[in-house]
Amino acid sequence: MQKTVKYIKKNYIWFLMVLPGTIWFLLFSYLPMFGNIIAFKKFRIDPDGFFASIKNSEWVGWDNFKYLFSTNDAFLITKNTILYNLVFIFLGLALSVGTAILLSELASKKLSKFYQTGMLFPHFLSWVIVSYFVFTFLSPDRGLFNNILEMFGVDPISWYSESKFWPYIIVFMSQWKGIGYGSIVYLAAIAGIDRTYYEAAMIDGASKWQQIRHVTLPQLKTLMIILTIMNVGRIFNSDFGLFFQVPRDSGALYPVTNVIDTFVYRGLMTLGDIGMSTAAGLYQATVGLVLVLITNYIVRKVDEESALF
């Protein structure tokens, strides 16, 4: 005990530095975990408050989970969620790394900073605002794309009724909004690579592509694997704004835009079933944890130094 107190006194400045982050995680990440019990109850609001509501709500066990997966759309929303996230993970990885490498190779640092700022800006835009930008392009009567089509004598397209276009639109908008933010970490990692590696490669006659292939990418490998493992943990989660706001909640597009998060939201708004919504969130978190553990285990078997833990 005395050693612990002595250690804390010696390093108190570091403990103070991490204290705000620790408090934030306790309040917003760990404390809400106790609310997962709602997933196993038929939640009803009690006039005596939240805790009384939990205590007095009927225990229904796994019924909320059964309802979530007994619907006709269960397979569709699961398939959409997984397939979109797989594309986002691997396409986002390739574009983020590629963008970071291109920015790092720019000779003009001022120009590099300008491009970084321009590419990062969409990340801070709300999906509500982005949805209006998209609508200006895809509006059935006054949209820019339909105006261009009419100039060439092509019939206008009812974009918000034609589901076949939206997988590409969803993927494009996701990468457009996230590529700038996703490349920051890789750009910082590239800046930290020892320049003597590149100097040695140039002395050996390596071209710029060979330097990227044999120096930059190997140095980024561990970071790429760790971030991919963390993204795999969110494979059952979706960006609600992307799938709800951008398609403008068009019912005709549900076959390609309905994912677990939007399905649960619509169910909550229609049925007011908080227990089912909590069950969906617990299911997503549990599957994500299992996937992270499995992915990390596989990586650790292949290359222990690249594993997350």
Protein backbone atom coordinates (compact mmCIF):
# COMPACT_ATOMS: atom_id res chain seq x y z
CA MET A 1 0.00 0.00 0.00
CA GLN A 2 2.80 2.41 0.92
CA LYS A 3 4.55 1.64 -2.38
CA THR A 4 1.35 2.43 -4.25
CA VAL A 5 0.89 5.76 -2.46
CA LYS A 6 4.54 6.61 -3.06
CA TYR A 7 4.22 5.72 -6.74
CA ILE A 8 1.10 7.90 -7.10
CA LYS A 9 2.78 10.86 -5.39
CA LYS A 10 5.82 10.49 -7.62
CA ASN A 11 3.76 10.42 -10.84
CA TYR A 12 0.77 12.52 -9.79
CA ILE A 13 1.24 14.98 -12.64
CA TRP A 14 0.69 12.18 -15.18
CA PHE A 15 -2.37 10.91 -13.32
CA LEU A 16 -3.81 14.43 -13.37
CA MET A 17 -3.18 14.60 -17.12
CA VAL A 18 -5.23 11.46 -17.83
CA LEU A 19 -7.91 12.24 -15.23
CA PRO A 20 -10.28 14.15 -17.60
CA GLY A 21 -10.20 11.29 -20.12
CA THR A 22 -10.72 8.72 -17.37
CA ILE A 23 -13.74 10.59 -16.01
CA TRP A 24 -15.17 10.91 -19.54
CA PHE A 25 -14.88 7.16 -20.14
CA LEU A 26 -16.39 6.32 -16.75
CA LEU A 27 -19.39 8.59 -17.31
CA PHE A 28 -20.11 7.94 -20.98
CA SER A 29 -18.68 4.48 -21.68
CA TYR A 30 -18.67 2.37 -18.52
CA LEU A 31 -21.51 3.77 -16.41
CA PRO A 32 -24.10 3.34 -19.21
CA MET A 33 -23.22 -0.38 -19.38
CA PHE A 34 -25.52 -0.98 -16.42
CA GLY A 35 -28.38 0.10 -18.66
CA ASN A 36 -27.91 -3.04 -20.77
CA ILE A 37 -30.33 -4.77 -18.40
CA ILE A 38 -33.08 -2.95 -20.33
CA ALA A 39 -32.37 -5.35 -23.22
CA PHE A 40 -33.89 -8.12 -21.10
CA LYS A 41 -36.93 -6.17 -19.90
CA LYS A 42 -40.16 -4.84 -21.32
CA PHE A 43 -39.23 -1.28 -20.47
CA ARG A 44 -41.98 1.01 -19.25
CA ILE A 45 -41.44 4.55 -17.97
CA ASP A 46 -42.24 4.93 -14.28
CA PRO A 47 -43.19 8.35 -12.82
CA ASP A 48 -40.69 7.78 -10.01
CA GLY A 49 -37.72 8.05 -12.34
CA PHE A 50 -35.30 6.06 -14.47
CA PHE A 51 -34.12 3.57 -11.86
CA ALA A 52 -37.71 2.90 -10.78
CA SER A 53 -38.56 2.31 -14.45
CA ILE A 54 -35.84 -0.34 -14.72
CA LYS A 55 -36.82 -1.96 -11.42
CA ASN A 56 -40.55 -2.11 -12.15
CA SER A 57 -40.32 -3.15 -15.81
CA GLU A 58 -41.27 -6.73 -16.58
CA TRP A 59 -38.40 -9.20 -17.13
CA VAL A 60 -38.81 -10.82 -20.57
CA GLY A 61 -35.42 -12.55 -20.98
CA TRP A 62 -34.44 -13.04 -24.60
CA ASP A 63 -37.76 -11.91 -26.10
CA ASN A 64 -36.35 -8.59 -27.31
CA PHE A 65 -33.59 -10.40 -29.20
CA LYS A 66 -36.09 -12.86 -30.66
CA TYR A 67 -38.24 -10.01 -31.94
CA LEU A 68 -35.22 -8.33 -33.53
CA PHE A 69 -34.32 -11.43 -35.55
CA SER A 70 -37.79 -12.79 -36.23
CA THR A 71 -38.75 -9.93 -38.53
CA ASN A 72 -38.81 -10.36 -42.30
CA ASP A 73 -36.05 -7.78 -42.71
CA ALA A 74 -33.60 -9.44 -40.30
CA PHE A 75 -31.49 -11.05 -43.03
CA LEU A 76 -31.61 -7.95 -45.27
CA ILE A 77 -30.46 -5.47 -42.63
CA THR A 78 -27.71 -7.81 -41.43
CA LYS A 79 -26.46 -8.42 -44.97
CA ASN A 80 -26.49 -4.71 -45.84
CA THR A 81 -24.69 -3.77 -42.62
CA ILE A 82 -21.91 -6.33 -43.06
CA LEU A 83 -21.35 -5.83 -46.80
CA TYR A 84 -21.25 -2.04 -46.60
CA ASN A 85 -18.86 -2.12 -43.67
CA LEU A 86 -16.54 -4.57 -45.41
CA VAL A 87 -16.34 -2.18 -48.36
CA PHE A 88 -15.85 0.80 -46.05
CA ILE A 89 -13.08 -0.95 -44.10
CA PHE A 90 -10.94 -2.15 -47.00
CA LEU A 91 -11.66 0.62 -49.52
CA GLY A 92 -11.24 3.20 -46.77
CA LEU A 93 -7.91 1.63 -45.77
CA ALA A 94 -6.59 1.72 -49.33
CA LEU A 95 -7.76 5.29 -49.98
CA SER A 96 -6.54 6.63 -46.61
CA VAL A 97 -3.08 5.10 -46.98
CA GLY A 98 -2.86 6.14 -50.62
CA THR A 99 -3.93 9.70 -49.85
CA ALA A 100 -1.46 9.97 -46.97
CA ILE A 101 1.38 8.78 -49.21
CA LEU A 102 0.45 11.22 -51.98
CA LEU A 103 0.27 14.13 -49.55
CA SER A 104 3.61 13.20 -48.00
CA GLU A 105 5.25 13.16 -51.43
CA LEU A 106 4.18 16.69 -52.35
CA ALA A 107 7.23 18.91 -52.61
CA SER A 108 5.33 22.03 -51.55
CA LYS A 109 4.39 21.74 -47.88
CA LYS A 110 2.03 24.71 -48.18
CA LEU A 111 0.17 22.96 -50.98
CA SER A 112 0.11 19.76 -48.89
CA LYS A 113 -1.44 21.65 -45.96
CA PHE A 114 -4.01 23.20 -48.30
CA TYR A 115 -5.07 19.78 -49.61
CA GLN A 116 -5.17 18.34 -46.09
CA THR A 117 -7.48 21.10 -44.92
CA GLY A 118 -9.74 20.76 -47.96
CA MET A 119 -10.02 16.99 -47.57
CA LEU A 120 -10.58 17.17 -43.81
CA PHE A 121 -13.38 19.74 -44.04
CA PRO A 122 -16.16 17.28 -45.09
CA HIS A 123 -15.58 15.26 -41.89
CA PHE A 124 -16.96 18.14 -39.83
CA LEU A 125 -20.12 18.53 -41.90
CA SER A 126 -23.34 17.10 -40.54
CA TRP A 127 -24.99 14.40 -42.64
CA VAL A 128 -28.10 16.60 -42.65
CA ILE A 129 -26.18 19.32 -44.47
CA VAL A 130 -24.53 16.79 -46.77
CA SER A 131 -27.95 15.32 -47.62
CA TYR A 132 -29.05 18.73 -48.97
CA PHE A 133 -25.88 18.96 -51.06
CA VAL A 134 -26.62 15.52 -52.49
CA PHE A 135 -30.22 16.55 -53.16
CA THR A 136 -29.06 19.51 -55.27
CA PHE A 137 -27.35 16.98 -57.55
CA LEU A 138 -30.01 14.27 -57.50
CA SER A 139 -33.28 16.20 -57.26
CA PRO A 140 -35.73 14.61 -59.76
CA ASP A 141 -36.85 17.95 -61.25
CA ARG A 142 -34.09 20.52 -60.57
CA GLY A 143 -31.07 18.35 -59.83
CA LEU A 144 -27.78 19.11 -61.58
CA PHE A 145 -27.35 15.55 -62.88
CA ASN A 146 -30.81 15.45 -64.44
CA ASN A 147 -30.24 18.86 -66.04
CA ILE A 148 -27.04 17.53 -67.62
CA LEU A 149 -28.86 14.40 -68.83
CA GLU A 150 -31.59 16.52 -70.43
CA MET A 151 -28.93 18.57 -72.25
CA PHE A 152 -27.82 15.37 -73.96
CA GLY A 153 -31.38 14.26 -74.69
CA VAL A 154 -31.44 11.57 -72.00
CA ASP A 155 -34.54 11.06 -69.89
CA PRO A 156 -34.13 12.26 -66.27
CA ILE A 157 -33.66 9.66 -63.57
CA SER A 158 -35.75 9.46 -60.44
CA TRP A 159 -32.72 8.95 -58.21
CA TYR A 160 -34.65 8.56 -54.98
CA SER A 161 -36.76 5.76 -56.46
CA GLU A 162 -34.03 3.80 -58.26
CA SER A 163 -32.27 1.62 -55.69
CA LYS A 164 -29.65 0.25 -58.11
CA PHE A 165 -27.60 3.48 -57.98
CA TRP A 166 -27.49 3.85 -54.23
CA PRO A 167 -24.87 1.29 -53.19
CA TYR A 168 -22.39 3.33 -55.25
CA ILE A 169 -23.69 6.66 -53.94
CA ILE A 170 -23.51 5.45 -50.32
CA VAL A 171 -19.94 4.19 -50.75
CA PHE A 172 -18.84 7.35 -52.55
CA MET A 173 -20.33 9.66 -49.91
CA SER A 174 -18.81 7.64 -47.08
CA GLN A 175 -15.32 7.84 -48.56
CA TRP A 176 -15.71 11.50 -49.58
CA LYS A 177 -16.56 12.44 -46.02
CA GLY A 178 -14.09 10.17 -44.24
CA ILE A 179 -10.97 9.98 -46.38
CA GLY A 180 -9.43 13.21 -45.07
CA TYR A 181 -9.87 12.24 -41.43
CA GLY A 182 -8.78 8.66 -42.08
CA SER A 183 -5.51 9.73 -43.70
CA ILE A 184 -4.37 11.90 -40.77
CA VAL A 185 -3.03 9.04 -38.65
CA TYR A 186 -1.16 7.51 -41.58
CA LEU A 187 0.24 10.89 -42.58
CA ALA A 188 1.56 11.36 -39.04
CA ALA A 189 3.08 7.87 -39.11
CA ILE A 190 4.81 8.59 -42.43
CA ALA A 191 6.23 11.81 -40.98
CA GLY A 192 7.75 9.75 -38.18
CA ILE A 193 9.59 7.30 -40.45
CA ASP A 194 13.36 7.62 -40.17
CA ARG A 195 14.53 9.44 -43.33
CA THR A 196 17.74 7.41 -43.41
CA TYR A 197 15.68 4.49 -44.74
CA TYR A 198 14.77 6.53 -47.82
CA GLU A 199 18.31 7.81 -48.20
CA ALA A 200 19.66 4.26 -48.15
CA ALA A 201 17.01 3.19 -50.69
CA MET A 202 17.94 6.08 -53.02
CA ILE A 203 21.63 5.18 -52.77
CA ASP A 204 20.69 1.65 -53.82
CA GLY A 205 18.92 3.10 -56.86
CA ALA A 206 15.32 2.56 -55.68
CA SER A 207 12.64 4.43 -57.59
CA LYS A 208 9.92 6.39 -55.80
CA TRP A 209 7.47 3.49 -56.17
CA GLN A 210 10.07 1.04 -54.81
CA GLN A 211 10.65 3.35 -51.82
CA ILE A 212 6.93 3.36 -51.10
CA ARG A 213 6.65 -0.40 -51.53
CA HIS A 214 9.71 -1.42 -49.52
CA VAL A 215 10.00 1.40 -46.97
CA THR A 216 6.73 3.29 -46.45
CA LEU A 217 4.22 0.43 -46.56
CA PRO A 218 6.24 -1.94 -44.29
CA GLN A 219 6.58 0.87 -41.76
CA LEU A 220 2.82 1.43 -41.86
CA LYS A 221 1.90 -2.26 -41.69
CA THR A 222 1.44 -2.51 -37.92
CA LEU A 223 -0.68 0.64 -37.77
CA MET A 224 -2.80 -0.52 -40.70
CA ILE A 225 -3.47 -3.87 -39.01
CA ILE A 226 -4.33 -2.32 -35.63
CA LEU A 227 -6.77 0.19 -37.13
CA THR A 228 -8.34 -2.54 -39.27
CA ILE A 229 -8.86 -4.74 -36.20
CA MET A 230 -10.58 -1.85 -34.43
CA ASN A 231 -12.78 -1.20 -37.47
CA VAL A 232 -13.75 -4.87 -37.64
CA GLY A 233 -15.17 -4.44 -34.15
CA ARG A 234 -17.70 -1.99 -35.59
CA ILE A 235 -18.74 -4.13 -38.53
CA PHE A 236 -22.27 -4.49 -37.13
CA ASN A 237 -22.59 -0.74 -36.56
CA SER A 238 -23.54 1.77 -39.21
CA ASP A 239 -23.30 5.51 -39.67
CA PHE A 240 -26.93 6.38 -39.04
CA GLY A 241 -26.80 9.74 -40.80
CA LEU A 242 -25.32 8.25 -43.96
CA PHE A 243 -28.05 5.62 -44.34
CA PHE A 244 -30.98 7.68 -43.06
CA GLN A 245 -30.38 11.32 -43.99
CA VAL A 246 -28.64 11.05 -47.35
CA PRO A 247 -31.31 8.79 -48.99
CA ARG A 248 -33.93 11.07 -47.32
CA ASP A 249 -35.56 8.01 -45.72
CA SER A 250 -37.03 6.97 -49.06
CA GLY A 251 -39.00 3.76 -48.68
CA ALA A 252 -38.19 2.74 -52.25
CA LEU A 253 -34.50 2.55 -51.28
CA TYR A 254 -34.91 0.35 -48.17
CA PRO A 255 -33.59 -2.79 -49.93
CA VAL A 256 -30.14 -1.15 -50.26
CA THR A 257 -30.14 1.47 -47.48
CA ASN A 258 -31.85 -0.28 -44.57
CA VAL A 259 -29.24 -1.36 -41.99
CA ILE A 260 -29.47 -2.41 -38.35
CA ASP A 261 -29.29 1.14 -36.99
CA THR A 262 -31.97 2.58 -39.27
CA PHE A 263 -34.20 -0.46 -38.76
CA VAL A 264 -33.99 -0.11 -34.99
CA TYR A 265 -34.66 3.63 -35.18
CA ARG A 266 -37.78 3.15 -37.29
CA GLY A 267 -38.93 0.39 -34.94
CA LEU A 268 -38.37 2.66 -31.95
CA MET A 269 -40.30 5.51 -33.55
CA THR A 270 -43.16 3.23 -34.61
CA LEU A 271 -43.43 0.90 -31.61
CA GLY A 272 -41.65 2.87 -28.90
CA ASP A 273 -39.90 -0.36 -27.88
CA ILE A 274 -36.84 0.79 -25.94
CA GLY A 275 -36.05 -2.77 -24.84
CA MET A 276 -35.70 -3.97 -28.43
CA SER A 277 -33.47 -0.99 -29.29
CA THR A 278 -31.24 -1.73 -26.31
CA ALA A 279 -31.09 -5.40 -27.33
CA ALA A 280 -29.90 -4.37 -30.80
CA GLY A 281 -27.18 -2.16 -29.32
CA LEU A 282 -26.03 -4.92 -26.96
CA TYR A 283 -26.00 -7.40 -29.84
CA GLN A 284 -23.86 -5.06 -31.97
CA ALA A 285 -21.39 -4.45 -29.13
CA THR A 286 -21.10 -8.14 -28.24
CA VAL A 287 -20.54 -9.27 -31.82
CA GLY A 288 -18.02 -6.45 -32.29
CA LEU A 289 -16.07 -7.56 -29.20
CA VAL A 290 -16.02 -11.18 -30.38
CA LEU A 291 -14.84 -10.16 -33.87
CA VAL A 292 -12.04 -8.00 -32.42
CA LEU A 293 -10.87 -10.91 -30.24
CA ILE A 294 -10.97 -13.38 -33.14
CA THR A 295 -9.25 -11.01 -35.59
CA ASN A 296 -6.58 -10.11 -33.06
CA TYR A 297 -6.01 -13.80 -32.28
CA ILE A 298 -5.47 -14.58 -35.97
CA VAL A 299 -3.09 -11.63 -36.41
CA ARG A 300 -1.16 -12.63 -33.29
CA LYS A 301 -0.66 -16.12 -34.69
CA VAL A 302 0.66 -14.72 -37.96
CA ASP A 303 2.69 -11.77 -36.65
CA GLU A 304 2.64 -11.22 -32.90
CA GLU A 305 4.20 -7.75 -33.09
CA SER A 306 1.35 -6.49 -35.29
CA ALA A 307 -1.43 -7.61 -32.91
CA LEU A 308 -3.47 -5.09 -30.95
CA PHE A 309 -2.90 -6.97 -27.69
